[in-house]
Amino acid sequence: MAKHIEAVETEEKTKRRELIGEIIKYNEEDLKATWKVLDTSRHASRLGFVPPGRVPACPARPGQRNASPRL
């Protein structure tokens, strides 16, 4: 968000293009990582590691009983 605000508020076209380029690159990398997680999750489900439609349990942190989301 901060980079977007900076890009919108700057009057320097070169700086604005540079910031927008950084935002686009970050978003592309984020999408690739998200698809990788989704693909891995689907693969694990097909292999029977995760029941379809269920989120695998998260390991509990020290002092926490259960970090799993309630479904």
PDB file of N, CA and C in Angstrom:
ATOM      1  N   MET A   1       0.819  -1.187   0.000  1.00  0.00           N
ATOM      2  CA  MET A   1       0.000   0.000   0.000  1.00  0.00           C
ATOM      3  C   MET A   1       0.866   1.255   0.000  1.00  0.00           C
ATOM      4  N   ALA A   2       1.939   1.224   0.770  1.00  0.00           N
ATOM      5  CA  ALA A   2       2.783   2.414   0.877  1.00  0.00           C
ATOM      6  C   ALA A   2       3.382   2.778  -0.483  1.00  0.00           C
ATOM      7  N   LYS A   3       3.823   1.771  -1.230  1.00  0.00           N
ATOM      8  CA  LYS A   3       4.399   2.042  -2.559  1.00  0.00           C
ATOM      9  C   LYS A   3       3.338   2.598  -3.500  1.00  0.00           C
ATOM     10  N   HIS A   4       2.123   2.083  -3.407  1.00  0.00           N
ATOM     11  CA  HIS A   4       1.036   2.580  -4.257  1.00  0.00           C
ATOM     12  C   HIS A   4       0.746   4.044  -3.938  1.00  0.00           C
ATOM     13  N   ILE A   5       0.665   4.365  -2.678  1.00  0.00           N
ATOM     14  CA  ILE A   5       0.411   5.754  -2.274  1.00  0.00           C
ATOM     15  C   ILE A   5       1.540   6.649  -2.770  1.00  0.00           C
ATOM     16  N   GLU A   6       2.774   6.180  -2.594  1.00  0.00           N
ATOM     17  CA  GLU A   6       3.922   6.959  -3.057  1.00  0.00           C
ATOM     18  C   GLU A   6       3.859   7.165  -4.576  1.00  0.00           C
ATOM     19  N   ALA A   7       3.505   6.122  -5.312  1.00  0.00           N
ATOM     20  CA  ALA A   7       3.419   6.227  -6.769  1.00  0.00           C
ATOM     21  C   ALA A   7       2.331   7.199  -7.199  1.00  0.00           C
ATOM     22  N   VAL A   8       1.207   7.159  -6.529  1.00  0.00           N
ATOM     23  CA  VAL A   8       0.095   8.047  -6.868  1.00  0.00           C
ATOM     24  C   VAL A   8       0.437   9.501  -6.542  1.00  0.00           C
ATOM     25  N   GLU A   9       1.131   9.696  -5.439  1.00  0.00           N
ATOM     26  CA  GLU A   9       1.415  11.064  -4.991  1.00  0.00           C
ATOM     27  C   GLU A   9       2.616  11.710  -5.667  1.00  0.00           C
ATOM     28  N   THR A  10       3.528  10.919  -6.241  1.00  0.00           N
ATOM     29  CA  THR A  10       4.707  11.510  -6.859  1.00  0.00           C
ATOM     30  C   THR A  10       4.340  12.157  -8.199  1.00  0.00           C
ATOM     31  N   GLU A  11       4.996  13.250  -8.477  1.00  0.00           N
ATOM     32  CA  GLU A  11       4.767  13.938  -9.751  1.00  0.00           C
ATOM     33  C   GLU A  11       5.845  13.587 -10.770  1.00  0.00           C
ATOM     34  N   GLU A  12       6.864  12.841 -10.341  1.00  0.00           N
ATOM     35  CA  GLU A  12       7.934  12.422 -11.237  1.00  0.00           C
ATOM     36  C   GLU A  12       7.499  11.172 -11.998  1.00  0.00           C
ATOM     37  N   LYS A  13       7.347  11.315 -13.308  1.00  0.00           N
ATOM     38  CA  LYS A  13       6.880  10.181 -14.118  1.00  0.00           C
ATOM     39  C   LYS A  13       7.820   8.987 -14.039  1.00  0.00           C
ATOM     40  N   THR A  14       9.120   9.244 -14.046  1.00  0.00           N
ATOM     41  CA  THR A  14      10.093   8.152 -13.992  1.00  0.00           C
ATOM     42  C   THR A  14       9.978   7.399 -12.675  1.00  0.00           C
ATOM     43  N   LYS A  15       9.875   8.135 -11.577  1.00  0.00           N
ATOM     44  CA  LYS A  15       9.736   7.516 -10.252  1.00  0.00           C
ATOM     45  C   LYS A  15       8.428   6.738 -10.168  1.00  0.00           C
ATOM     46  N   ARG A  16       7.351   7.315 -10.723  1.00  0.00           N
ATOM     47  CA  ARG A  16       6.052   6.645 -10.700  1.00  0.00           C
ATOM     48  C   ARG A  16       6.125   5.317 -11.465  1.00  0.00           C
ATOM     49  N   ARG A  17       6.724   5.319 -12.648  1.00  0.00           N
ATOM     50  CA  ARG A  17       6.861   4.087 -13.431  1.00  0.00           C
ATOM     51  C   ARG A  17       7.683   3.045 -12.676  1.00  0.00           C
ATOM     52  N   GLU A  18       8.748   3.485 -12.028  1.00  0.00           N
ATOM     53  CA  GLU A  18       9.605   2.575 -11.261  1.00  0.00           C
ATOM     54  C   GLU A  18       8.819   1.931 -10.119  1.00  0.00           C
ATOM     55  N   LEU A  19       8.060   2.730  -9.396  1.00  0.00           N
ATOM     56  CA  LEU A  19       7.275   2.205  -8.270  1.00  0.00           C
ATOM     57  C   LEU A  19       6.182   1.251  -8.748  1.00  0.00           C
ATOM     58  N   ILE A  20       5.488   1.621  -9.824  1.00  0.00           N
ATOM     59  CA  ILE A  20       4.443   0.751 -10.358  1.00  0.00           C
ATOM     60  C   ILE A  20       5.059  -0.559 -10.841  1.00  0.00           C
ATOM     61  N   GLY A  21       6.251  -0.496 -11.446  1.00  0.00           N
ATOM     62  CA  GLY A  21       6.959  -1.704 -11.871  1.00  0.00           C
ATOM     63  C   GLY A  21       7.274  -2.616 -10.692  1.00  0.00           C
ATOM     64  N   GLU A  22       7.702  -2.023  -9.576  1.00  0.00           N
ATOM     65  CA  GLU A  22       7.988  -2.811  -8.369  1.00  0.00           C
ATOM     66  C   GLU A  22       6.716  -3.477  -7.831  1.00  0.00           C
ATOM     67  N   ILE A  23       5.613  -2.740  -7.863  1.00  0.00           N
ATOM     68  CA  ILE A  23       4.334  -3.281  -7.384  1.00  0.00           C
ATOM     69  C   ILE A  23       3.906  -4.452  -8.264  1.00  0.00           C
ATOM     70  N   ILE A  24       4.022  -4.289  -9.568  1.00  0.00           N
ATOM     71  CA  ILE A  24       3.639  -5.357 -10.502  1.00  0.00           C
ATOM     72  C   ILE A  24       4.502  -6.591 -10.289  1.00  0.00           C
ATOM     73  N   LYS A  25       5.802  -6.397 -10.146  1.00  0.00           N
ATOM     74  CA  LYS A  25       6.707  -7.529  -9.921  1.00  0.00           C
ATOM     75  C   LYS A  25       6.343  -8.264  -8.632  1.00  0.00           C
ATOM     76  N   TYR A  26       6.096  -7.508  -7.552  1.00  0.00           N
ATOM     77  CA  TYR A  26       5.718  -8.113  -6.274  1.00  0.00           C
ATOM     78  C   TYR A  26       4.429  -8.921  -6.434  1.00  0.00           C
ATOM     79  N   ASN A  27       3.432  -8.338  -7.104  1.00  0.00           N
ATOM     80  CA  ASN A  27       2.153  -9.023  -7.272  1.00  0.00           C
ATOM     81  C   ASN A  27       2.299 -10.294  -8.102  1.00  0.00           C
ATOM     82  N   GLU A  28       3.130 -10.252  -9.153  1.00  0.00           N
ATOM     83  CA  GLU A  28       3.353 -11.449  -9.961  1.00  0.00           C
ATOM     84  C   GLU A  28       3.997 -12.553  -9.131  1.00  0.00           C
ATOM     85  N   GLU A  29       4.989 -12.202  -8.318  1.00  0.00           N
ATOM     86  CA  GLU A  29       5.649 -13.190  -7.461  1.00  0.00           C
ATOM     87  C   GLU A  29       4.674 -13.752  -6.435  1.00  0.00           C
ATOM     88  N   ASP A  30       3.824 -12.889  -5.896  1.00  0.00           N
ATOM     89  CA  ASP A  30       2.838 -13.312  -4.903  1.00  0.00           C
ATOM     90  C   ASP A  30       1.833 -14.284  -5.523  1.00  0.00           C
ATOM     91  N   LEU A  31       1.394 -13.991  -6.734  1.00  0.00           N
ATOM     92  CA  LEU A  31       0.459 -14.889  -7.416  1.00  0.00           C
ATOM     93  C   LEU A  31       1.094 -16.242  -7.707  1.00  0.00           C
ATOM     94  N   LYS A  32       2.335 -16.244  -8.148  1.00  0.00           N
ATOM     95  CA  LYS A  32       3.028 -17.508  -8.401  1.00  0.00           C
ATOM     96  C   LYS A  32       3.115 -18.344  -7.131  1.00  0.00           C
ATOM     97  N   ALA A  33       3.442 -17.701  -6.020  1.00  0.00           N
ATOM     98  CA  ALA A  33       3.553 -18.418  -4.743  1.00  0.00           C
ATOM     99  C   ALA A  33       2.192 -18.947  -4.304  1.00  0.00           C
ATOM    100  N   THR A  34       1.142 -18.149  -4.490  1.00  0.00           N
ATOM    101  CA  THR A  34      -0.205 -18.573  -4.105  1.00  0.00           C
ATOM    102  C   THR A  34      -0.645 -19.780  -4.924  1.00  0.00           C
ATOM    103  N   TRP A  35      -0.382 -19.746  -6.235  1.00  0.00           N
ATOM    104  CA  TRP A  35      -0.734 -20.886  -7.083  1.00  0.00           C
ATOM    105  C   TRP A  35       0.041 -22.129  -6.679  1.00  0.00           C
ATOM    106  N   LYS A  36       1.308 -21.949  -6.285  1.00  0.00           N
ATOM    107  CA  LYS A  36       2.126 -23.085  -5.859  1.00  0.00           C
ATOM    108  C   LYS A  36       1.526 -23.729  -4.604  1.00  0.00           C
ATOM    109  N   VAL A  37       1.098 -22.907  -3.662  1.00  0.00           N
ATOM    110  CA  VAL A  37       0.477 -23.425  -2.434  1.00  0.00           C
ATOM    111  C   VAL A  37      -0.812 -24.167  -2.782  1.00  0.00           C
ATOM    112  N   LEU A  38      -1.626 -23.577  -3.649  1.00  0.00           N
ATOM    113  CA  LEU A  38      -2.877 -24.221  -4.046  1.00  0.00           C
ATOM    114  C   LEU A  38      -2.607 -25.552  -4.752  1.00  0.00           C
ATOM    115  N   ASP A  39      -1.649 -25.559  -5.664  1.00  0.00           N
ATOM    116  CA  ASP A  39      -1.308 -26.771  -6.387  1.00  0.00           C
ATOM    117  C   ASP A  39      -0.804 -27.857  -5.437  1.00  0.00           C
ATOM    118  N   THR A  40       0.055 -27.477  -4.501  1.00  0.00           N
ATOM    119  CA  THR A  40       0.586 -28.426  -3.524  1.00  0.00           C
ATOM    120  C   THR A  40      -0.535 -28.995  -2.659  1.00  0.00           C
ATOM    121  N   SER A  41      -1.460 -28.130  -2.252  1.00  0.00           N
ATOM    122  CA  SER A  41      -2.592 -28.566  -1.436  1.00  0.00           C
ATOM    123  C   SER A  41      -3.475 -29.535  -2.209  1.00  0.00           C
ATOM    124  N   ARG A  42      -3.744 -29.230  -3.462  1.00  0.00           N
ATOM    125  CA  ARG A  42      -4.559 -30.131  -4.282  1.00  0.00           C
ATOM    126  C   ARG A  42      -3.861 -31.476  -4.470  1.00  0.00           C
ATOM    127  N   HIS A  43      -2.566 -31.438  -4.704  1.00  0.00           N
ATOM    128  CA  HIS A  43      -1.797 -32.666  -4.880  1.00  0.00           C
ATOM    129  C   HIS A  43      -1.840 -33.517  -3.603  1.00  0.00           C
ATOM    130  N   ALA A  44      -1.657 -32.862  -2.452  1.00  0.00           N
ATOM    131  CA  ALA A  44      -1.702 -33.581  -1.178  1.00  0.00           C
ATOM    132  C   ALA A  44      -3.075 -34.197  -0.956  1.00  0.00           C
ATOM    133  N   SER A  45      -4.111 -33.484  -1.344  1.00  0.00           N
ATOM    134  CA  SER A  45      -5.472 -34.000  -1.190  1.00  0.00           C
ATOM    135  C   SER A  45      -5.689 -35.226  -2.073  1.00  0.00           C
ATOM    136  N   ARG A  46      -5.191 -35.166  -3.318  1.00  0.00           N
ATOM    137  CA  ARG A  46      -5.342 -36.312  -4.229  1.00  0.00           C
ATOM    138  C   ARG A  46      -4.602 -37.540  -3.714  1.00  0.00           C
ATOM    139  N   LEU A  47      -3.503 -37.318  -3.000  1.00  0.00           N
ATOM    140  CA  LEU A  47      -2.734 -38.437  -2.461  1.00  0.00           C
ATOM    141  C   LEU A  47      -3.286 -38.939  -1.133  1.00  0.00           C
ATOM    142  N   GLY A  48      -4.330 -38.269  -0.626  1.00  0.00           N
ATOM    143  CA  GLY A  48      -4.961 -38.705   0.614  1.00  0.00           C
ATOM    144  C   GLY A  48      -4.351 -38.122   1.870  1.00  0.00           C
ATOM    145  N   PHE A  49      -3.455 -37.161   1.717  1.00  0.00           N
ATOM    146  CA  PHE A  49      -2.849 -36.546   2.897  1.00  0.00           C
ATOM    147  C   PHE A  49      -3.784 -35.553   3.574  1.00  0.00           C
ATOM    148  N   VAL A  50      -4.642 -34.926   2.803  1.00  0.00           N
ATOM    149  CA  VAL A  50      -5.569 -33.922   3.332  1.00  0.00           C
ATOM    150  C   VAL A  50      -6.952 -34.248   2.790  1.00  0.00           C
ATOM    151  N   PRO A  51      -7.936 -34.417   3.654  1.00  0.00           N
ATOM    152  CA  PRO A  51      -9.290 -34.671   3.148  1.00  0.00           C
ATOM    153  C   PRO A  51      -9.757 -33.483   2.304  1.00  0.00           C
ATOM    154  N   PRO A  52     -10.452 -33.717   1.193  1.00  0.00           N
ATOM    155  CA  PRO A  52     -10.933 -32.617   0.363  1.00  0.00           C
ATOM    156  C   PRO A  52     -11.749 -31.622   1.173  1.00  0.00           C
ATOM    157  N   GLY A  53     -11.495 -30.346   0.964  1.00  0.00           N
ATOM    158  CA  GLY A  53     -12.239 -29.298   1.648  1.00  0.00           C
ATOM    159  C   GLY A  53     -11.803 -29.024   3.068  1.00  0.00           C
ATOM    160  N   ARG A  54     -10.759 -29.680   3.536  1.00  0.00           N
ATOM    161  CA  ARG A  54     -10.306 -29.480   4.912  1.00  0.00           C
ATOM    162  C   ARG A  54      -8.950 -28.795   4.922  1.00  0.00           C
ATOM    163  N   VAL A  55      -8.730 -28.012   5.936  1.00  0.00           N
ATOM    164  CA  VAL A  55      -7.446 -27.347   6.116  1.00  0.00           C
ATOM    165  C   VAL A  55      -6.609 -28.205   7.046  1.00  0.00           C
ATOM    166  N   PRO A  56      -5.373 -28.512   6.677  1.00  0.00           N
ATOM    167  CA  PRO A  56      -4.554 -29.321   7.586  1.00  0.00           C
ATOM    168  C   PRO A  56      -4.292 -28.575   8.881  1.00  0.00           C
ATOM    169  N   ALA A  57      -4.148 -29.322   9.957  1.00  0.00           N
ATOM    170  CA  ALA A  57      -3.900 -28.722  11.263  1.00  0.00           C
ATOM    171  C   ALA A  57      -2.561 -27.996  11.263  1.00  0.00           C
ATOM    172  N   CYS A  58      -2.553 -26.860  11.920  1.00  0.00           N
ATOM    173  CA  CYS A  58      -1.314 -26.101  12.089  1.00  0.00           C
ATOM    174  C   CYS A  58      -0.656 -26.580  13.373  1.00  0.00           C
ATOM    175  N   PRO A  59       0.656 -26.687  13.401  1.00  0.00           N
ATOM    176  CA  PRO A  59       1.295 -27.098  14.650  1.00  0.00           C
ATOM    177  C   PRO A  59       1.067 -26.051  15.731  1.00  0.00           C
ATOM    178  N   ALA A  60       0.797 -26.511  16.926  1.00  0.00           N
ATOM    179  CA  ALA A  60       0.556 -25.593  18.040  1.00  0.00           C
ATOM    180  C   ALA A  60       1.868 -24.958  18.487  1.00  0.00           C
ATOM    181  N   ARG A  61       1.775 -23.710  18.871  1.00  0.00           N
ATOM    182  CA  ARG A  61       2.928 -23.009  19.428  1.00  0.00           C
ATOM    183  C   ARG A  61       3.015 -23.341  20.909  1.00  0.00           C
ATOM    184  N   PRO A  62       4.186 -23.171  21.507  1.00  0.00           N
ATOM    185  CA  PRO A  62       4.298 -23.431  22.938  1.00  0.00           C
ATOM    186  C   PRO A  62       3.260 -22.619  23.723  1.00  0.00           C
ATOM    187  N   GLY A  63       2.560 -23.290  24.606  1.00  0.00           N
ATOM    188  CA  GLY A  63       1.547 -22.626  25.429  1.00  0.00           C
ATOM    189  C   GLY A  63       0.187 -22.559  24.754  1.00  0.00           C
ATOM    190  N   GLN A  64       0.070 -23.083  23.541  1.00  0.00           N
ATOM    191  CA  GLN A  64      -1.181 -23.063  22.810  1.00  0.00           C
ATOM    192  C   GLN A  64      -1.706 -24.485  22.713  1.00  0.00           C
ATOM    193  N   ARG A  65      -2.995 -24.664  22.958  1.00  0.00           N
ATOM    194  CA  ARG A  65      -3.566 -26.011  22.872  1.00  0.00           C
ATOM    195  C   ARG A  65      -3.707 -26.471  21.434  1.00  0.00           C
ATOM    196  N   ASN A  66      -4.267 -25.632  20.591  1.00  0.00           N
ATOM    197  CA  ASN A  66      -4.512 -26.033  19.213  1.00  0.00           C
ATOM    198  C   ASN A  66      -4.526 -24.794  18.334  1.00  0.00           C
ATOM    199  N   ALA A  67      -3.718 -24.816  17.286  1.00  0.00           N
ATOM    200  CA  ALA A  67      -3.651 -23.672  16.369  1.00  0.00           C
ATOM    201  C   ALA A  67      -4.487 -23.899  15.128  1.00  0.00           C
ATOM    202  N   SER A  68      -5.222 -24.996  15.085  1.00  0.00           N
ATOM    203  CA  SER A  68      -6.032 -25.307  13.900  1.00  0.00           C
ATOM    204  C   SER A  68      -7.245 -24.407  13.818  1.00  0.00           C
ATOM    205  N   PRO A  69      -7.604 -24.001  12.591  1.00  0.00           N
ATOM    206  CA  PRO A  69      -8.822 -23.210  12.456  1.00  0.00           C
ATOM    207  C   PRO A  69     -10.043 -24.079  12.723  1.00  0.00           C
ATOM    208  N   ARG A  70     -11.088 -23.485  13.220  1.00  0.00           N
ATOM    209  CA  ARG A  70     -12.328 -24.234  13.470  1.00  0.00           C
ATOM    210  C   ARG A  70     -13.170 -24.196  12.211  1.00  0.00           C
ATOM    211  N   LEU A  71     -13.549 -25.362  11.746  1.00  0.00           N
ATOM    212  CA  LEU A  71     -14.348 -25.446  10.513  1.00  0.00           C
ATOM    213  C   LEU A  71     -15.762 -25.854  10.817  1.00  0.00           C
TER     214      LEU A  71
END
